[in-house]
């Protein structure tokens, strides 16, 4: 940890979406203005996972992904605190004192509607008053309206993938290891890579999606993605599977890591009377996926 005095901001930063980057840009500019290092303080898990686990949301990003994206935004440092009962009990003044004494924070920029501390102070003036007592100047960041992790989470749940992309500023993705499946796709001409994703990320609803797959070597290919219980070939209540038919690709991906970026929702999961009916529908889906891919990828955000 650098000994340089810093300006910091604190939050979950789930998804590191456009609103978060808007805040981080303000942090960086204020750091330049005040000749301070820039620090983002986030948490390894959502506070609700400790306070009220039954209400904890499925995350848009893992702790590792959040830290990587935050650092990629150009701040000097990012620390990930373990949100536990001890941290939960800190008052706003105690938390700011810890930031000042342990992380050399002299200025704290509050994101819009951001609150912290067990005493849950009600307004920016209260935080400024408490900050003054421990040597921290507290300032309020500007807001980017209609932007939150909850809004994006709900868009994904509603299968509004393109709208979620607009707010994220990148394609939502799942990353994981390719595992062996039943290999039925091979028998009907559409082999798939079966993904075992991180268990703490939001998995979009069942259905067929247009997607982009980042391969282990960094190459990228369009793919037709199915999320569901495979009702045509599996019994009822089968576990959810995530299967990607990667276009124009052949190779062994077992036990390797791939990243699946979501481009658009194509259709709901359906049950067919035979594998032949399934094969015919998948051929139709592939055409729809390629069309969506060609349309979206020409205007794609950076990944």
Protein backbone atom coordinates (compact mmCIF):
# COMPACT_ATOMS: atom_id res chain seq x y z
CA UNK A 1 0.00 0.00 0.00
CA UNK A 2 1.43 3.37 -1.06
CA UNK A 3 2.19 5.93 1.67
CA UNK A 4 1.04 8.74 -0.62
CA UNK A 5 -2.03 10.68 0.55
CA UNK A 6 -5.13 9.59 -1.33
CA UNK A 7 -8.60 10.47 -2.42
CA UNK A 8 -10.86 7.42 -2.14
CA UNK A 9 -14.37 6.27 -2.87
CA UNK A 10 -16.17 3.35 -1.24
CA UNK A 11 -18.79 0.99 -2.63
CA UNK A 12 -19.73 -2.44 -3.87
CA UNK A 13 -19.11 -1.52 -7.53
CA UNK A 14 -20.96 -4.65 -8.65
CA UNK A 15 -20.55 -4.99 -12.40
CA UNK A 16 -18.35 -1.85 -12.59
CA UNK A 17 -20.97 -0.35 -14.89
CA UNK A 18 -21.09 3.01 -16.66
CA UNK A 19 -22.29 4.78 -13.50
CA UNK A 20 -19.36 3.40 -11.54
CA UNK A 21 -16.91 4.51 -14.21
CA UNK A 22 -18.55 7.96 -14.21
CA UNK A 23 -17.77 8.15 -10.48
CA UNK A 24 -14.24 6.84 -10.97
CA UNK A 25 -13.58 9.47 -13.66
CA UNK A 26 -14.56 12.17 -11.14
CA UNK A 27 -12.28 10.56 -8.57
CA UNK A 28 -9.34 10.60 -10.98
CA UNK A 29 -9.91 14.22 -11.98
CA UNK A 30 -10.14 15.33 -8.35
CA UNK A 31 -6.97 13.36 -7.64
CA UNK A 32 -5.19 15.35 -10.33
CA UNK A 33 -6.61 18.62 -9.01
CA UNK A 34 -5.46 17.88 -5.45
CA UNK A 35 -2.27 15.96 -6.32
CA UNK A 36 -3.54 12.85 -4.52
CA UNK A 37 -3.31 9.18 -5.31
CA UNK A 38 -6.62 7.50 -6.21
CA UNK A 39 -8.07 4.56 -4.31
CA UNK A 40 -11.26 2.54 -4.70
CA UNK A 41 -12.39 0.55 -1.65
CA UNK A 42 -14.74 -2.33 -2.38
CA UNK A 43 -15.79 -5.56 -0.68
CA UNK A 44 -15.26 -9.25 -1.39
CA UNK A 45 -18.93 -9.98 -0.81
CA UNK A 46 -22.18 -8.04 -0.77
CA UNK A 47 -22.97 -6.69 2.73
CA UNK A 48 -26.39 -8.37 2.58
CA UNK A 49 -24.62 -11.74 2.37
CA UNK A 50 -23.64 -11.08 6.01
CA UNK A 51 -26.52 -8.94 7.25
CA UNK A 52 -29.47 -10.76 5.62
CA UNK A 53 -28.28 -13.61 3.35
CA UNK A 54 -31.81 -14.38 2.14
CA UNK A 55 -31.91 -10.93 0.49
CA UNK A 56 -28.40 -10.95 -0.98
CA UNK A 57 -28.58 -10.45 -4.77
CA UNK A 58 -26.87 -12.62 -7.33
CA UNK A 59 -23.80 -10.66 -8.36
CA UNK A 60 -22.95 -9.16 -11.73
CA UNK A 61 -19.23 -9.69 -11.07
CA UNK A 62 -16.95 -11.74 -8.86
CA UNK A 63 -14.58 -10.03 -6.44
CA UNK A 64 -11.66 -10.78 -8.77
CA UNK A 65 -13.51 -9.37 -11.79
CA UNK A 66 -14.47 -6.21 -9.90
CA UNK A 67 -10.92 -5.54 -8.81
CA UNK A 68 -9.57 -6.18 -12.31
CA UNK A 69 -12.11 -3.85 -13.95
CA UNK A 70 -11.64 -1.14 -11.33
CA UNK A 71 -7.86 -1.15 -11.82
CA UNK A 72 -8.36 -1.17 -15.60
CA UNK A 73 -10.34 2.07 -15.21
CA UNK A 74 -7.09 3.84 -14.32
CA UNK A 75 -7.13 4.29 -10.53
CA UNK A 76 -3.87 3.86 -8.66
CA UNK A 77 -5.10 1.27 -6.17
CA UNK A 78 -8.06 -0.93 -5.31
CA UNK A 79 -8.48 -2.77 -2.04
CA UNK A 80 -11.10 -5.42 -1.36
CA UNK A 81 -12.24 -5.56 2.25
CA UNK A 82 -13.88 -8.65 3.74
CA UNK A 83 -17.29 -7.49 4.87
CA UNK A 84 -17.80 -9.28 8.16
CA UNK A 85 -19.62 -8.64 11.44
CA UNK A 86 -16.72 -6.56 12.74
CA UNK A 87 -16.75 -4.29 9.71
CA UNK A 88 -20.54 -4.12 9.81
CA UNK A 89 -20.44 -2.69 13.34
CA UNK A 90 -18.12 0.22 12.52
CA UNK A 91 -19.74 3.65 12.62
CA UNK A 92 -19.13 6.04 9.74
CA UNK A 93 -16.52 7.88 11.81
CA UNK A 94 -14.77 4.62 12.78
CA UNK A 95 -14.72 3.47 9.16
CA UNK A 96 -13.30 6.78 7.97
CA UNK A 97 -10.74 6.70 10.76
CA UNK A 98 -9.62 3.26 9.55
CA UNK A 99 -9.39 4.59 5.98
CA UNK A 100 -7.33 7.57 7.15
CA UNK A 101 -4.98 5.69 9.48
CA UNK A 102 -4.51 2.44 7.53
CA UNK A 103 -4.82 3.62 3.92
CA UNK A 104 -3.73 7.28 4.00
CA UNK A 105 -7.09 8.59 2.82
CA UNK A 106 -7.35 12.39 3.20
CA UNK A 107 -10.35 12.95 0.92
CA UNK A 108 -13.40 10.73 0.53
CA UNK A 109 -15.71 11.08 -2.46
CA UNK A 110 -19.21 9.74 -1.83
CA UNK A 111 -21.08 8.28 -4.75
CA UNK A 112 -24.66 9.43 -5.27
CA UNK A 113 -26.96 8.01 -2.58
CA UNK A 114 -24.04 6.05 -1.10
CA UNK A 115 -24.18 5.44 2.65
CA UNK A 116 -21.92 3.49 4.98
CA UNK A 117 -21.45 2.97 8.71
CA UNK A 118 -23.61 1.27 11.32
CA UNK A 119 -25.06 4.66 12.29
CA UNK A 120 -26.30 5.21 8.72
CA UNK A 121 -25.85 8.98 8.60
CA UNK A 122 -28.59 10.70 6.66
CA UNK A 123 -26.85 13.29 4.50
CA UNK A 124 -23.55 14.55 3.14
CA UNK A 125 -23.29 17.23 5.87
CA UNK A 126 -23.31 14.53 8.56
CA UNK A 127 -20.51 12.63 6.80
CA UNK A 128 -18.52 15.84 6.42
CA UNK A 129 -18.92 16.59 10.12
CA UNK A 130 -17.71 13.10 11.11
CA UNK A 131 -14.94 13.18 8.53
CA UNK A 132 -13.58 16.44 9.91
CA UNK A 133 -13.11 14.74 13.29
CA UNK A 134 -10.70 12.16 11.83
CA UNK A 135 -8.92 14.34 9.27
CA UNK A 136 -10.90 13.41 6.14
CA UNK A 137 -12.53 15.88 3.77
CA UNK A 138 -15.80 14.41 2.46
CA UNK A 139 -17.19 15.50 -0.91
CA UNK A 140 -20.20 14.47 -2.99
CA UNK A 141 -19.82 13.09 -6.51
CA UNK A 142 -22.21 13.99 -9.32
CA UNK A 143 -24.88 11.47 -10.32
CA UNK A 144 -25.33 9.60 -13.59
CA UNK A 145 -29.14 9.19 -13.59
CA UNK A 146 -31.03 5.92 -14.05
CA UNK A 147 -27.95 3.81 -13.41
CA UNK A 148 -27.51 1.12 -10.78
CA UNK A 149 -26.49 -2.50 -10.42
CA UNK A 150 -30.09 -3.34 -9.45
CA UNK A 151 -31.45 -1.84 -12.67
CA UNK A 152 -28.96 -3.83 -14.72
CA UNK A 153 -29.66 -7.01 -12.75
CA UNK A 154 -33.37 -6.66 -13.48
CA UNK A 155 -32.74 -6.03 -17.18
CA UNK A 156 -30.78 -9.29 -17.41
CA UNK A 157 -33.49 -11.16 -15.51
CA UNK A 158 -36.03 -9.71 -17.97
CA UNK A 159 -33.79 -10.87 -20.86
CA UNK A 160 -33.28 -7.27 -22.01
CA UNK A 161 -29.69 -8.05 -22.86
CA UNK A 162 -29.01 -5.15 -25.22
CA UNK A 163 -30.34 -2.62 -22.71
CA UNK A 164 -28.15 -4.18 -20.01
CA UNK A 165 -25.16 -3.84 -22.34
CA UNK A 166 -25.86 -0.13 -22.80
CA UNK A 167 -25.81 0.47 -19.05
CA UNK A 168 -22.86 -1.80 -18.33
CA UNK A 169 -20.77 -0.34 -21.12
CA UNK A 170 -19.68 -3.88 -22.05
CA UNK A 171 -21.25 -7.28 -22.75
CA UNK A 172 -22.32 -9.12 -19.61
CA UNK A 173 -20.28 -12.31 -19.32
CA UNK A 174 -19.87 -15.60 -17.54
CA UNK A 175 -16.42 -17.13 -17.17
CA UNK A 176 -15.72 -20.70 -16.19
CA UNK A 177 -14.30 -24.10 -16.98
CA UNK A 178 -15.48 -26.31 -19.84
CA UNK A 179 -16.72 -29.65 -18.49
CA UNK A 180 -17.97 -32.80 -20.18
CA UNK A 181 -21.68 -33.00 -20.92
CA UNK A 182 -23.83 -35.68 -22.50
CA UNK A 183 -22.41 -34.86 -25.95
CA UNK A 184 -25.85 -35.08 -27.55
CA UNK A 185 -25.11 -31.93 -29.55
CA UNK A 186 -22.45 -33.82 -31.45
CA UNK A 187 -24.96 -36.42 -32.60
CA UNK A 188 -27.17 -33.79 -34.26
CA UNK A 189 -24.39 -31.70 -35.75
CA UNK A 190 -24.08 -28.98 -33.12
CA UNK A 191 -21.30 -29.83 -30.63
CA UNK A 192 -21.25 -27.64 -27.55
CA UNK A 193 -18.84 -26.50 -24.88
CA UNK A 194 -20.47 -26.96 -21.47
CA UNK A 195 -19.56 -24.18 -19.04
CA UNK A 196 -19.22 -24.56 -15.28
CA UNK A 197 -19.40 -20.89 -14.24
CA UNK A 198 -18.64 -19.09 -11.02
CA UNK A 199 -21.43 -19.90 -8.58
CA UNK A 200 -21.75 -16.35 -7.22
CA UNK A 201 -22.68 -14.61 -10.47
CA UNK A 202 -26.13 -14.01 -11.89
CA UNK A 203 -26.97 -16.60 -14.56
CA UNK A 204 -29.40 -15.18 -17.15
CA UNK A 205 -32.78 -16.91 -17.55
CA UNK A 206 -33.35 -20.05 -19.59
CA UNK A 207 -33.33 -19.67 -23.34
CA UNK A 208 -31.18 -19.30 -26.44
CA UNK A 209 -28.78 -16.38 -26.72
CA UNK A 210 -26.50 -14.86 -29.31
CA UNK A 211 -23.06 -14.72 -27.72
CA UNK A 212 -19.38 -14.13 -28.23
CA UNK A 213 -16.89 -16.59 -26.75
CA UNK A 214 -13.38 -15.66 -25.72
CA UNK A 215 -11.24 -18.78 -26.12
CA UNK A 216 -8.27 -19.77 -23.94
CA UNK A 217 -5.82 -18.31 -26.47
CA UNK A 218 -7.65 -14.96 -26.46
CA UNK A 219 -9.33 -15.52 -29.81
CA UNK A 220 -13.03 -14.74 -30.12
CA UNK A 221 -15.79 -16.52 -32.01
CA UNK A 222 -19.57 -16.06 -32.31
CA UNK A 223 -21.58 -18.72 -30.53
CA UNK A 224 -25.13 -19.95 -30.01
CA UNK A 225 -25.72 -20.30 -26.30
CA UNK A 226 -28.39 -22.37 -24.59
CA UNK A 227 -29.20 -22.03 -20.90
CA UNK A 228 -31.72 -24.51 -19.57
CA UNK A 229 -32.69 -27.99 -18.51
CA UNK A 230 -32.66 -29.53 -22.01
CA UNK A 231 -36.30 -30.70 -21.77
CA UNK A 232 -36.14 -32.60 -25.08
CA UNK A 233 -33.38 -34.94 -23.90
CA UNK A 234 -33.43 -34.72 -20.08
CA UNK A 235 -35.97 -35.59 -17.41
CA UNK A 236 -37.94 -32.94 -15.57
CA UNK A 237 -36.05 -30.97 -12.90
CA UNK A 238 -32.69 -31.61 -14.57
CA UNK A 239 -29.96 -29.20 -13.42
CA UNK A 240 -29.36 -26.03 -15.42
CA UNK A 241 -26.77 -26.40 -18.16
CA UNK A 242 -24.90 -23.68 -20.05
CA UNK A 243 -23.90 -24.89 -23.51
CA UNK A 244 -22.22 -22.91 -26.28
CA UNK A 245 -22.08 -24.03 -29.89
CA UNK A 246 -19.03 -22.08 -31.06
CA UNK A 247 -19.15 -21.22 -34.77
CA UNK A 248 -16.28 -22.29 -37.02
CA UNK A 249 -14.29 -23.82 -34.19
CA UNK A 250 -12.85 -27.26 -33.60
CA UNK A 251 -10.59 -28.18 -30.74
CA UNK A 252 -10.43 -29.62 -27.25
CA UNK A 253 -11.64 -27.17 -24.59
CA UNK A 254 -12.16 -29.62 -21.73
CA UNK A 255 -10.83 -28.30 -18.40
CA UNK A 256 -9.94 -24.98 -20.04
CA UNK A 257 -11.35 -21.55 -19.19
CA UNK A 258 -13.58 -19.64 -21.58
CA UNK A 259 -15.59 -16.44 -21.26
CA UNK A 260 -19.09 -16.15 -22.74
CA UNK A 261 -20.29 -12.62 -23.54
CA UNK A 262 -24.06 -12.15 -23.93
CA UNK A 263 -25.14 -10.21 -27.03
CA UNK A 264 -28.90 -10.75 -27.32
CA UNK A 265 -31.78 -13.02 -26.33
CA UNK A 266 -33.10 -15.14 -29.20
CA UNK A 267 -35.92 -17.33 -27.86
CA UNK A 268 -37.35 -19.17 -24.86
CA UNK A 269 -36.38 -22.76 -24.08
CA UNK A 270 -38.74 -25.23 -25.78
CA UNK A 271 -39.43 -28.95 -25.57
CA UNK A 272 -39.51 -30.82 -28.89
CA UNK A 273 -41.04 -34.18 -29.76
CA UNK A 274 -37.86 -35.56 -31.29
CA UNK A 275 -34.17 -34.89 -31.79
CA UNK A 276 -34.94 -34.17 -35.44
CA UNK A 277 -37.31 -31.37 -34.48
CA UNK A 278 -34.67 -30.06 -32.11
CA UNK A 279 -32.01 -30.17 -34.81
CA UNK A 280 -34.23 -28.25 -37.25
CA UNK A 281 -34.94 -25.55 -34.66
CA UNK A 282 -31.27 -25.23 -33.76
CA UNK A 283 -30.47 -24.65 -37.44
CA UNK A 284 -33.02 -21.82 -37.44
CA UNK A 285 -31.55 -20.49 -34.19
CA UNK A 286 -28.06 -20.50 -35.66
CA UNK A 287 -29.18 -18.25 -38.50
CA UNK A 288 -30.83 -15.88 -36.01
CA UNK A 289 -27.71 -15.86 -33.82
CA UNK A 290 -25.42 -15.08 -36.76
CA UNK A 291 -27.71 -12.23 -37.83
CA UNK A 292 -27.76 -10.79 -34.30
CA UNK A 293 -24.00 -11.19 -33.99
CA UNK A 294 -23.32 -9.43 -37.29
CA UNK A 295 -25.61 -6.56 -36.33
CA UNK A 296 -24.34 -6.06 -32.78
CA UNK A 297 -20.65 -6.74 -33.13
CA UNK A 298 -20.14 -3.91 -35.63
CA UNK A 299 -21.03 -1.44 -32.85
CA UNK A 300 -19.69 -3.39 -29.92
CA UNK A 301 -18.29 -1.78 -26.79
CA UNK A 302 -14.84 -2.67 -25.59
CA UNK A 303 -14.80 -5.99 -23.73
